[in-house]
N, C-alpha and C. Protein backbone atom coordinates (compact mmCIF):
# COMPACT_ATOMS: atom_id res chain seq x y z
N UNK A 1 0.81 -1.16 -0.02
CA UNK A 1 0.00 -0.01 -0.02
C UNK A 1 0.89 1.28 -0.02
N UNK A 2 2.02 1.23 0.57
CA UNK A 2 2.90 2.35 0.63
C UNK A 2 3.37 2.70 -0.76
N UNK A 3 3.51 1.72 -1.66
CA UNK A 3 3.89 1.98 -3.01
C UNK A 3 2.91 2.83 -3.73
N UNK A 4 1.64 2.72 -3.47
CA UNK A 4 0.63 3.54 -4.16
C UNK A 4 0.82 5.04 -3.90
N UNK A 5 1.36 5.40 -2.76
CA UNK A 5 1.52 6.78 -2.46
C UNK A 5 2.70 7.37 -3.17
N UNK A 6 3.56 6.53 -3.76
CA UNK A 6 4.82 6.99 -4.41
C UNK A 6 4.73 7.00 -5.94
N UNK A 7 3.62 6.62 -6.51
CA UNK A 7 3.57 6.48 -7.96
C UNK A 7 3.48 7.89 -8.62
N UNK A 8 4.24 8.05 -9.71
CA UNK A 8 4.22 9.35 -10.40
C UNK A 8 3.01 9.55 -11.34
N UNK A 9 2.51 8.43 -11.92
CA UNK A 9 1.38 8.52 -12.81
C UNK A 9 0.36 7.45 -12.52
N UNK A 10 -0.85 7.61 -12.92
CA UNK A 10 -1.89 6.55 -12.66
C UNK A 10 -1.56 5.26 -13.33
N UNK A 11 -0.81 5.21 -14.39
CA UNK A 11 -0.42 3.91 -15.10
C UNK A 11 0.40 3.07 -14.22
N UNK A 12 1.20 3.68 -13.37
CA UNK A 12 2.03 2.85 -12.40
C UNK A 12 1.17 2.15 -11.39
N UNK A 13 0.00 2.68 -11.08
CA UNK A 13 -0.91 2.02 -10.15
C UNK A 13 -1.32 0.66 -10.73
N UNK A 14 -1.56 0.63 -12.02
CA UNK A 14 -1.97 -0.65 -12.65
C UNK A 14 -0.85 -1.68 -12.49
N UNK A 15 0.35 -1.26 -12.70
CA UNK A 15 1.47 -2.19 -12.56
C UNK A 15 1.57 -2.74 -11.14
N UNK A 16 1.40 -1.86 -10.14
CA UNK A 16 1.51 -2.26 -8.72
C UNK A 16 0.38 -3.18 -8.43
N UNK A 17 -0.84 -2.88 -8.85
CA UNK A 17 -2.02 -3.66 -8.58
C UNK A 17 -1.90 -5.11 -9.23
N UNK A 18 -1.40 -5.18 -10.40
CA UNK A 18 -1.26 -6.47 -11.07
C UNK A 18 -0.20 -7.34 -10.33
N UNK A 19 0.85 -6.72 -9.95
CA UNK A 19 1.92 -7.46 -9.25
C UNK A 19 1.55 -7.88 -7.87
N UNK A 20 0.84 -7.02 -7.11
CA UNK A 20 0.54 -7.29 -5.76
C UNK A 20 -0.81 -7.90 -5.46
N UNK A 21 -1.63 -8.18 -6.47
CA UNK A 21 -2.94 -8.72 -6.28
C UNK A 21 -2.86 -10.12 -5.62
N UNK A 22 -2.04 -10.98 -6.09
CA UNK A 22 -1.91 -12.29 -5.52
C UNK A 22 -1.43 -12.31 -4.11
N UNK A 23 -0.33 -11.64 -3.81
CA UNK A 23 0.15 -11.59 -2.39
C UNK A 23 -0.82 -10.95 -1.45
N UNK A 24 -1.53 -9.91 -1.90
CA UNK A 24 -2.50 -9.26 -1.01
C UNK A 24 -3.66 -10.14 -0.72
N UNK A 25 -4.15 -10.94 -1.74
CA UNK A 25 -5.26 -11.83 -1.50
C UNK A 25 -4.85 -12.98 -0.56
N UNK A 26 -3.59 -13.46 -0.75
CA UNK A 26 -3.09 -14.53 0.14
C UNK A 26 -2.98 -14.00 1.57
N UNK A 27 -2.53 -12.79 1.76
CA UNK A 27 -2.44 -12.17 3.02
C UNK A 27 -3.80 -12.01 3.67
N UNK A 28 -4.81 -11.59 2.87
CA UNK A 28 -6.15 -11.44 3.37
C UNK A 28 -6.65 -12.77 3.93
N UNK A 29 -6.58 -13.86 3.14
CA UNK A 29 -7.08 -15.15 3.58
C UNK A 29 -6.29 -15.65 4.80
N UNK A 30 -4.99 -15.44 4.82
CA UNK A 30 -4.24 -15.91 5.95
C UNK A 30 -4.67 -15.16 7.22
N UNK A 31 -4.95 -13.89 7.07
CA UNK A 31 -5.42 -13.09 8.20
C UNK A 31 -6.78 -13.56 8.70
N UNK A 32 -7.73 -13.83 7.74
CA UNK A 32 -9.03 -14.32 8.11
C UNK A 32 -8.94 -15.60 8.85
N UNK A 33 -8.22 -16.57 8.33
CA UNK A 33 -8.09 -17.89 8.90
C UNK A 33 -7.41 -17.82 10.26
N UNK A 34 -6.35 -16.97 10.42
CA UNK A 34 -5.63 -16.87 11.67
C UNK A 34 -6.53 -16.24 12.80
N UNK A 35 -7.23 -15.21 12.42
CA UNK A 35 -8.11 -14.57 13.37
C UNK A 35 -9.26 -15.49 13.81
N UNK A 36 -9.85 -16.16 12.81
CA UNK A 36 -10.88 -17.13 13.14
C UNK A 36 -10.46 -18.22 14.02
N UNK A 37 -9.22 -18.69 13.83
CA UNK A 37 -8.62 -19.72 14.67
C UNK A 37 -8.43 -19.25 16.07
N UNK A 38 -8.02 -17.97 16.24
CA UNK A 38 -7.77 -17.41 17.57
C UNK A 38 -9.08 -17.25 18.36
N UNK A 39 -10.16 -16.76 17.70
CA UNK A 39 -11.38 -16.46 18.42
C UNK A 39 -12.30 -17.66 18.66
N UNK A 40 -12.00 -18.73 17.96
CA UNK A 40 -12.95 -19.90 17.96
C UNK A 40 -12.77 -20.71 19.26
N UNK A 41 -13.89 -21.22 19.81
CA UNK A 41 -13.79 -22.11 20.95
C UNK A 41 -13.05 -23.37 20.61
N UNK A 42 -12.51 -24.11 21.64
CA UNK A 42 -11.77 -25.32 21.35
C UNK A 42 -12.63 -26.35 20.63
N UNK A 43 -12.10 -26.90 19.54
CA UNK A 43 -12.77 -27.91 18.78
C UNK A 43 -13.61 -27.38 17.61
N UNK A 44 -13.71 -26.11 17.48
CA UNK A 44 -14.56 -25.54 16.43
C UNK A 44 -13.79 -24.70 15.46
N UNK A 45 -12.50 -24.77 15.44
CA UNK A 45 -11.65 -23.91 14.65
C UNK A 45 -11.96 -24.01 13.17
N UNK A 46 -12.09 -25.21 12.70
CA UNK A 46 -12.33 -25.42 11.21
C UNK A 46 -13.71 -24.84 10.82
N UNK A 47 -14.70 -25.02 11.70
CA UNK A 47 -16.06 -24.49 11.44
C UNK A 47 -16.05 -22.96 11.35
N UNK A 48 -15.36 -22.33 12.36
CA UNK A 48 -15.35 -20.90 12.41
C UNK A 48 -14.56 -20.33 11.20
N UNK A 49 -13.48 -20.98 10.85
CA UNK A 49 -12.72 -20.61 9.69
C UNK A 49 -13.54 -20.68 8.40
N UNK A 50 -14.30 -21.74 8.25
CA UNK A 50 -15.16 -21.92 7.07
C UNK A 50 -16.28 -20.84 7.05
N UNK A 51 -16.87 -20.54 8.17
CA UNK A 51 -17.91 -19.51 8.22
C UNK A 51 -17.33 -18.16 7.88
N UNK A 52 -16.13 -17.82 8.44
CA UNK A 52 -15.52 -16.55 8.16
C UNK A 52 -15.11 -16.38 6.69
N UNK A 53 -14.57 -17.41 6.09
CA UNK A 53 -14.15 -17.36 4.71
C UNK A 53 -15.41 -17.38 3.81
N UNK A 54 -16.38 -18.16 4.14
CA UNK A 54 -17.62 -18.21 3.36
C UNK A 54 -18.40 -16.90 3.41
N UNK A 55 -18.34 -16.23 4.58
CA UNK A 55 -18.99 -14.97 4.70
C UNK A 55 -18.31 -13.92 3.84
N UNK A 56 -17.02 -13.95 3.80
CA UNK A 56 -16.26 -13.02 2.95
C UNK A 56 -16.66 -13.19 1.50
N UNK A 57 -16.66 -14.46 1.03
CA UNK A 57 -16.99 -14.71 -0.38
C UNK A 57 -18.47 -14.55 -0.61
N UNK A 58 -19.30 -14.97 0.31
CA UNK A 58 -20.75 -14.94 0.07
C UNK A 58 -21.28 -13.51 0.14
N UNK A 59 -20.82 -12.72 1.06
CA UNK A 59 -21.31 -11.35 1.11
C UNK A 59 -20.86 -10.52 -0.06
N UNK A 60 -19.69 -10.78 -0.54
CA UNK A 60 -19.20 -10.06 -1.72
C UNK A 60 -20.08 -10.36 -2.95
N UNK A 61 -20.41 -11.63 -3.16
CA UNK A 61 -21.30 -12.04 -4.26
C UNK A 61 -22.69 -11.51 -4.03
N UNK A 62 -23.19 -11.54 -2.82
CA UNK A 62 -24.55 -11.04 -2.53
C UNK A 62 -24.62 -9.55 -2.79
N UNK A 63 -23.61 -8.82 -2.41
CA UNK A 63 -23.65 -7.33 -2.66
C UNK A 63 -23.59 -7.09 -4.12
N UNK A 64 -22.86 -7.85 -4.92
CA UNK A 64 -22.82 -7.67 -6.37
C UNK A 64 -24.15 -7.90 -7.00
N UNK A 65 -24.82 -8.98 -6.62
CA UNK A 65 -26.16 -9.36 -7.14
C UNK A 65 -27.13 -8.28 -6.72
N UNK A 66 -27.06 -7.79 -5.48
CA UNK A 66 -28.00 -6.79 -5.02
C UNK A 66 -27.81 -5.49 -5.80
N UNK A 67 -26.57 -5.11 -6.06
CA UNK A 67 -26.34 -3.93 -6.84
C UNK A 67 -26.89 -4.02 -8.26
N UNK A 68 -26.79 -5.24 -8.84
CA UNK A 68 -27.31 -5.49 -10.17
C UNK A 68 -28.88 -5.36 -10.16
N UNK A 69 -29.49 -5.94 -9.15
CA UNK A 69 -30.91 -5.88 -9.05
C UNK A 69 -31.40 -4.47 -8.84
N UNK A 70 -30.69 -3.67 -8.03
CA UNK A 70 -31.09 -2.31 -7.78
C UNK A 70 -31.01 -1.47 -9.02
N UNK A 71 -29.93 -1.68 -9.81
CA UNK A 71 -29.77 -0.90 -11.06
C UNK A 71 -30.87 -1.32 -12.07
N UNK A 72 -31.27 -2.61 -12.10
CA UNK A 72 -32.29 -3.05 -12.95
C UNK A 72 -33.64 -2.46 -12.65
N UNK A 73 -33.92 -2.42 -11.30
CA UNK A 73 -35.19 -1.86 -10.86
C UNK A 73 -35.29 -0.32 -11.04
N UNK A 74 -34.14 0.33 -10.88
CA UNK A 74 -34.08 1.75 -11.08
C UNK A 74 -34.32 2.11 -12.53
N UNK A 75 -33.76 1.33 -13.47
CA UNK A 75 -33.97 1.50 -14.90
C UNK A 75 -35.44 1.35 -15.26
N UNK A 76 -36.05 0.35 -14.69
CA UNK A 76 -37.50 0.08 -14.97
C UNK A 76 -38.33 1.21 -14.50
N UNK A 77 -38.07 1.74 -13.33
CA UNK A 77 -38.87 2.85 -12.77
C UNK A 77 -38.64 4.13 -13.52
N UNK A 78 -37.50 4.31 -14.11
CA UNK A 78 -37.25 5.55 -14.91
C UNK A 78 -37.99 5.55 -16.23
N UNK A 79 -38.23 4.39 -16.80
CA UNK A 79 -38.82 4.29 -18.14
C UNK A 79 -40.35 4.17 -18.08
N UNK A 80 -40.96 4.23 -16.93
CA UNK A 80 -42.40 4.16 -16.81
C UNK A 80 -43.05 5.46 -17.22
């Protein structure tokens, strides 16, 4: 993230994002799994990790679908 504050042009942001997308996603998942493991009661670590990871993926998809539905309904109400 510190590299983004040092870029001279917006085109350099694309290079940084392409290069760091994989490591940042891996760091995100490692953080989710580690935190879920720390806060889970004994014997439920795998379940809490699965719920935390599934919530991250599921809520992202749900928000995308909801945004699509809202834009569809807004277009229909504008054309009436």
